[in-house]
N, C-alpha and C. Protein backbone atom coordinates (compact mmCIF):
# COMPACT_ATOMS: atom_id res chain seq x y z
N MET A 1 1.07 -0.74 -0.21
CA MET A 1 -0.10 -0.12 0.13
C MET A 1 1.22 1.40 0.03
N SER A 2 0.22 2.47 -1.03
CA SER A 2 1.04 3.58 -0.85
C SER A 2 0.91 3.72 0.58
N THR A 3 2.20 4.79 0.71
CA THR A 3 2.11 5.79 2.57
C THR A 3 2.90 7.00 2.30
N PHE A 4 2.07 7.59 2.19
CA PHE A 4 2.46 9.00 1.70
C PHE A 4 2.28 10.04 2.65
N GLN A 5 2.86 10.37 3.33
CA GLN A 5 2.45 12.02 4.02
C GLN A 5 1.44 13.12 3.50
N LEU A 6 0.53 13.61 4.14
CA LEU A 6 0.12 14.18 3.67
C LEU A 6 -0.16 16.04 4.20
N ASP A 7 -0.47 16.88 3.32
CA ASP A 7 -0.01 18.18 3.72
C ASP A 7 -0.97 18.45 4.42
N PRO A 8 -2.17 19.52 4.65
CA PRO A 8 -3.41 19.97 5.18
C PRO A 8 -4.31 19.84 4.53
N ASN A 9 -3.65 20.42 2.83
CA ASN A 9 -4.87 19.94 1.84
C ASN A 9 -5.19 18.58 1.60
N GLN A 10 -4.39 17.65 1.52
CA GLN A 10 -4.44 15.96 1.74
C GLN A 10 -3.69 16.46 0.48
N VAL A 11 -2.87 16.57 0.80
CA VAL A 11 -2.21 16.49 -0.61
C VAL A 11 -0.84 15.74 -0.45
N ALA A 12 0.01 14.66 -1.18
CA ALA A 12 0.79 13.95 -1.19
C ALA A 12 1.89 14.74 -0.76
N LEU A 13 2.95 14.71 0.02
CA LEU A 13 3.53 16.11 0.16
C LEU A 13 5.23 14.84 -0.78
N GLY A 14 5.21 13.98 -1.04
CA GLY A 14 6.84 13.61 -2.02
C GLY A 14 5.88 11.80 -2.32
N VAL A 15 6.82 11.28 -3.52
CA VAL A 15 6.76 9.84 -4.16
C VAL A 15 7.49 8.69 -3.37
N GLY A 16 7.18 7.93 -2.76
CA GLY A 16 8.07 6.68 -2.35
C GLY A 16 8.98 6.65 -3.31
N SER A 17 8.61 5.71 -4.18
CA SER A 17 9.03 4.79 -5.68
C SER A 17 8.19 5.13 -6.69
N MET A 18 8.74 4.85 -8.35
CA MET A 18 7.59 5.02 -9.06
C MET A 18 7.82 3.47 -9.68
N GLY A 19 6.73 2.89 -9.58
CA GLY A 19 6.82 1.57 -10.37
C GLY A 19 6.17 0.87 -11.95
N THR A 20 5.34 0.41 -11.88
CA THR A 20 4.74 0.34 -13.57
C THR A 20 4.59 1.05 -14.39
N THR A 21 4.87 2.01 -15.46
CA THR A 21 4.69 3.20 -16.30
C THR A 21 4.08 2.41 -17.81
N GLN A 22 2.34 2.74 -17.80
CA GLN A 22 1.74 2.36 -19.60
C GLN A 22 2.06 3.77 -19.90
N ALA A 23 2.68 3.48 -21.11
CA ALA A 23 2.35 4.46 -22.38
C ALA A 23 1.42 4.18 -23.34
N ALA A 24 0.33 5.14 -24.17
CA ALA A 24 -0.29 5.12 -24.77
C ALA A 24 -0.12 6.12 -26.09
N THR A 25 -0.77 6.06 -27.12
CA THR A 25 -1.20 7.14 -27.60
C THR A 25 -2.87 7.51 -27.64
N VAL A 26 -3.46 8.08 -27.62
CA VAL A 26 -4.91 8.90 -27.50
C VAL A 26 -5.04 8.78 -28.59
N THR A 27 -6.72 7.86 -28.64
CA THR A 27 -7.60 8.04 -29.71
C THR A 27 -8.49 8.82 -29.76
N THR A 28 -9.85 8.68 -30.66
CA THR A 28 -10.45 9.61 -30.43
C THR A 28 -12.07 8.52 -30.03
N SER A 29 -11.63 7.46 -30.33
CA SER A 29 -12.22 6.26 -29.08
C SER A 29 -11.52 5.90 -27.35
N SER A 30 -12.45 6.10 -26.32
CA SER A 30 -11.93 5.65 -25.63
C SER A 30 -11.54 4.22 -25.30
N VAL A 31 -10.26 4.15 -24.64
CA VAL A 31 -9.28 3.09 -24.67
C VAL A 31 -8.82 3.33 -23.03
N GLN A 32 -9.23 2.41 -22.63
CA GLN A 32 -8.55 1.32 -21.33
C GLN A 32 -6.95 1.31 -21.32
N MET A 33 -6.01 1.41 -20.13
CA MET A 33 -4.30 0.72 -19.78
C MET A 33 -5.27 -0.36 -19.21
N THR A 34 -3.97 -0.95 -19.16
CA THR A 34 -4.43 -2.57 -18.08
C THR A 34 -4.56 -1.92 -16.29
N ALA A 35 -4.69 -3.13 -15.80
CA ALA A 35 -5.43 -2.69 -14.52
C ALA A 35 -4.15 -1.70 -13.40
N PHE A 36 -4.49 -1.52 -12.65
CA PHE A 36 -3.68 -0.61 -11.44
C PHE A 36 -2.84 -2.31 -10.74
N GLY A 37 -1.73 -1.85 -10.27
CA GLY A 37 -1.30 -3.21 -9.54
C GLY A 37 -2.03 -3.29 -8.04
N ALA A 38 -2.06 -4.21 -7.14
CA ALA A 38 -2.68 -4.92 -6.00
C ALA A 38 -2.35 -3.61 -4.18
N ASN A 39 -1.33 -3.55 -4.96
CA ASN A 39 -1.50 -2.13 -4.32
C ASN A 39 -0.65 -1.06 -4.09
N THR A 40 -1.43 -0.57 -5.82
CA THR A 40 -1.38 0.68 -5.96
C THR A 40 -2.57 2.07 -5.38
N THR A 41 -2.31 2.82 -5.17
CA THR A 41 -3.09 3.90 -4.76
C THR A 41 -2.89 5.32 -4.83
N LEU A 42 -2.15 5.18 -5.54
CA LEU A 42 -1.40 6.64 -6.33
C LEU A 42 -1.62 6.68 -7.93
N ILE A 43 -1.37 7.52 -8.67
CA ILE A 43 -1.13 7.28 -10.07
C ILE A 43 0.31 8.94 -10.51
N ARG A 44 0.27 8.68 -11.46
CA ARG A 44 0.63 10.31 -12.02
C ARG A 44 0.57 9.65 -13.31
N ILE A 45 0.09 10.75 -13.33
CA ILE A 45 -0.62 10.94 -14.89
C ILE A 45 0.32 11.99 -15.87
N ALA A 46 0.56 12.05 -17.07
CA ALA A 46 1.37 13.05 -17.87
C ALA A 46 1.24 13.04 -19.08
N CYS A 47 0.30 14.28 -19.31
CA CYS A 47 -0.06 14.21 -20.83
C CYS A 47 0.87 14.99 -21.83
N ALA A 48 1.55 14.38 -23.33
CA ALA A 48 2.11 15.60 -24.49
C ALA A 48 1.09 15.78 -25.23
N ASN A 49 1.60 16.41 -25.75
CA ASN A 49 1.02 16.71 -27.96
C ASN A 49 -0.21 16.93 -28.30
N GLY A 50 -1.15 17.37 -26.64
CA GLY A 50 -2.47 17.49 -26.90
C GLY A 50 -3.54 17.18 -25.76
N HIS A 51 -4.31 18.18 -25.42
CA HIS A 51 -4.58 17.28 -24.08
C HIS A 51 -5.80 16.28 -24.70
N CYS A 52 -6.44 15.83 -23.36
CA CYS A 52 -7.31 14.20 -23.08
C CYS A 52 -7.85 14.26 -22.06
N HIS A 53 -8.97 13.44 -22.22
CA HIS A 53 -9.54 13.12 -20.55
C HIS A 53 -9.80 11.77 -20.14
N PHE A 54 -9.71 11.69 -19.09
CA PHE A 54 -10.01 10.29 -18.62
C PHE A 54 -10.99 10.15 -17.99
N ALA A 55 -11.14 8.67 -17.31
CA ALA A 55 -12.31 8.20 -16.94
C ALA A 55 -11.39 6.85 -15.94
N ILE A 56 -11.50 6.77 -14.54
CA ILE A 56 -10.90 6.01 -13.77
C ILE A 56 -12.06 5.45 -13.03
N GLY A 57 -12.08 3.59 -13.26
CA GLY A 57 -12.88 2.92 -12.47
C GLY A 57 -12.50 1.51 -12.85
N ALA A 58 -13.57 0.11 -12.12
CA ALA A 58 -13.47 -0.84 -13.08
C ALA A 58 -13.77 -1.69 -14.06
N ASN A 59 -14.10 -0.49 -15.09
CA ASN A 59 -14.80 -0.90 -16.31
C ASN A 59 -14.67 0.63 -17.05
N PRO A 60 -14.21 1.52 -16.35
CA PRO A 60 -14.14 3.05 -17.27
C PRO A 60 -14.19 3.13 -18.83
N THR A 61 -15.27 4.13 -19.41
CA THR A 61 -15.03 4.68 -20.47
C THR A 61 -15.24 5.92 -20.62
N ALA A 62 -14.03 7.21 -20.89
CA ALA A 62 -13.92 8.54 -21.23
C ALA A 62 -14.35 8.83 -22.05
N SER A 63 -15.31 10.27 -22.06
CA SER A 63 -15.70 10.92 -22.48
C SER A 63 -15.15 11.92 -22.38
N ILE A 64 -15.52 13.14 -23.99
CA ILE A 64 -14.72 14.51 -23.73
C ILE A 64 -15.77 15.01 -23.60
N THR A 65 -17.08 14.50 -22.78
CA THR A 65 -18.13 15.68 -22.04
C THR A 65 -18.55 15.95 -21.02
N THR A 66 -17.72 14.47 -20.30
CA THR A 66 -18.17 14.64 -18.40
C THR A 66 -17.17 13.63 -17.68
N SER A 67 -15.70 13.52 -18.28
CA SER A 67 -15.00 13.21 -17.77
C SER A 67 -14.07 14.66 -17.76
N PRO A 68 -13.15 14.56 -16.73
CA PRO A 68 -11.89 15.65 -16.11
C PRO A 68 -11.12 15.32 -17.72
N LEU A 69 -10.43 16.48 -17.70
CA LEU A 69 -9.45 16.74 -18.99
C LEU A 69 -7.75 17.09 -18.37
N ILE A 70 -6.81 16.87 -18.76
CA ILE A 70 -5.53 16.83 -18.31
C ILE A 70 -5.15 17.69 -19.83
N GLY A 71 -4.53 19.14 -19.04
CA GLY A 71 -3.77 19.80 -20.10
C GLY A 71 -2.89 18.93 -21.00
N ASN A 72 -2.28 19.77 -22.22
CA ASN A 72 -1.31 19.39 -23.09
C ASN A 72 0.34 19.78 -21.87
N ASN A 73 0.64 19.17 -21.97
CA ASN A 73 2.24 19.24 -21.11
C ASN A 73 2.32 19.41 -19.88
N GLN A 74 1.49 18.28 -19.16
CA GLN A 74 0.41 18.23 -17.82
C GLN A 74 0.76 17.61 -16.99
N SER A 75 1.07 17.04 -15.95
CA SER A 75 0.92 16.12 -15.04
C SER A 75 0.16 16.39 -14.06
N GLU A 76 -0.77 15.03 -13.66
CA GLU A 76 -1.50 15.03 -11.90
C GLU A 76 -1.06 13.85 -10.80
N ILE A 77 -0.75 13.78 -10.39
CA ILE A 77 -1.11 12.45 -8.66
C ILE A 77 -2.44 12.90 -8.41
N ILE A 78 -3.24 11.26 -8.94
CA ILE A 78 -4.76 10.97 -8.46
C ILE A 78 -4.73 9.61 -7.66
N ALA A 79 -5.12 9.75 -6.90
CA ALA A 79 -5.51 8.46 -5.80
C ALA A 79 -6.30 7.63 -6.85
N VAL A 80 -6.34 6.46 -6.13
CA VAL A 80 -6.55 5.57 -6.89
C VAL A 80 -7.33 4.24 -5.71
N THR A 81 -7.98 3.32 -6.14
CA THR A 81 -7.67 2.07 -5.93
C THR A 81 -7.51 0.32 -6.54
N PRO A 82 -6.50 -0.52 -6.01
CA PRO A 82 -5.29 -1.04 -6.71
C PRO A 82 -6.36 -2.01 -7.41
N GLY A 83 -6.03 -2.15 -8.50
CA GLY A 83 -6.96 -2.89 -9.60
C GLY A 83 -8.07 -2.17 -10.19
N GLN A 84 -8.10 -1.05 -10.06
CA GLN A 84 -8.76 -0.42 -11.26
C GLN A 84 -8.37 -0.16 -12.02
N LYS A 85 -8.82 0.23 -13.63
CA LYS A 85 -7.87 0.91 -14.69
C LYS A 85 -8.42 2.24 -15.21
N ILE A 86 -7.54 3.10 -15.80
CA ILE A 86 -7.87 4.31 -16.87
C ILE A 86 -8.69 4.09 -17.92
N ALA A 87 -8.77 5.21 -18.54
CA ALA A 87 -9.27 4.71 -19.78
C ALA A 87 -9.08 6.40 -20.32
N PHE A 88 -8.50 6.76 -21.76
CA PHE A 88 -8.24 8.10 -22.41
C PHE A 88 -9.07 8.14 -23.64
N ILE A 89 -9.27 9.32 -24.00
CA ILE A 89 -9.90 9.40 -25.21
C ILE A 89 -9.80 10.91 -25.67
N LYS A 90 -8.85 11.45 -26.74
CA LYS A 90 -9.33 12.86 -26.84
C LYS A 90 -10.67 13.79 -28.16
N ASP A 91 -10.40 14.68 -28.17
CA ASP A 91 -11.17 15.13 -28.92
C ASP A 91 -11.42 14.88 -30.51
N ALA A 92 -11.48 15.18 -31.08
CA ALA A 92 -11.30 15.59 -32.68
C ALA A 92 -10.76 16.66 -33.47
N ALA A 93 -10.66 17.51 -32.17
CA ALA A 93 -10.04 18.76 -33.04
C ALA A 93 -8.39 18.64 -32.64
N VAL A 94 -8.16 17.75 -31.22
CA VAL A 94 -6.76 17.42 -30.64
C VAL A 94 -5.16 16.75 -31.74
N THR A 95 -4.72 17.13 -33.17
CA THR A 95 -4.28 16.52 -33.68
C THR A 95 -3.48 15.16 -33.34
N THR A 96 -3.19 15.45 -32.00
CA THR A 96 -2.18 13.69 -31.29
C THR A 96 -1.76 14.11 -29.76
N SER A 97 -2.20 13.38 -29.09
CA SER A 97 -2.41 13.05 -27.29
C SER A 97 -1.30 11.77 -26.73
N THR A 98 -0.37 11.96 -25.99
CA THR A 98 0.13 10.80 -25.94
C THR A 98 0.36 11.07 -24.51
N VAL A 99 -0.06 9.52 -24.03
CA VAL A 99 -0.06 9.67 -22.13
C VAL A 99 0.80 8.22 -21.00
N THR A 100 1.36 9.59 -20.59
CA THR A 100 2.16 7.90 -19.71
C THR A 100 1.33 8.16 -18.17
N VAL A 101 0.84 6.41 -17.86
CA VAL A 101 0.26 7.22 -16.31
C VAL A 101 1.64 5.66 -15.67
N THR A 102 2.31 6.69 -14.42
CA THR A 102 2.74 5.69 -13.65
C THR A 102 2.34 5.22 -12.45
N GLU A 103 2.56 4.45 -11.54
CA GLU A 103 2.13 3.24 -10.70
C GLU A 103 2.93 4.14 -9.27
N LEU A 104 2.53 4.66 -8.35
CA LEU A 104 3.36 5.32 -6.91
C LEU A 104 3.47 4.12 -6.14
N ILE A 105 4.35 3.65 -5.36
CA ILE A 105 4.52 2.85 -4.81
C ILE A 105 5.37 3.07 -3.89
């Protein structure tokens, strides 16, 4: 299990170490990545070349209208439940978008 100290706003103060990283080119159809490991409770998402939207869950489907957006050349750390998956989608106006998802352990 990830054990991070939190600041007063409940934001992780640091990352113990980085685990498995998955990379993908995002398309205009929602595509899921492999399930997170049994001990993963935080992930780092990084996006390049164009923004995209993401969804997290047991069987997520990302939507350009209802899913959170991660901006171009941005990264975020997000809490997850072990075994969940993440899905990504880009809208047609975005030429290209690539993402990496790293499990923080």
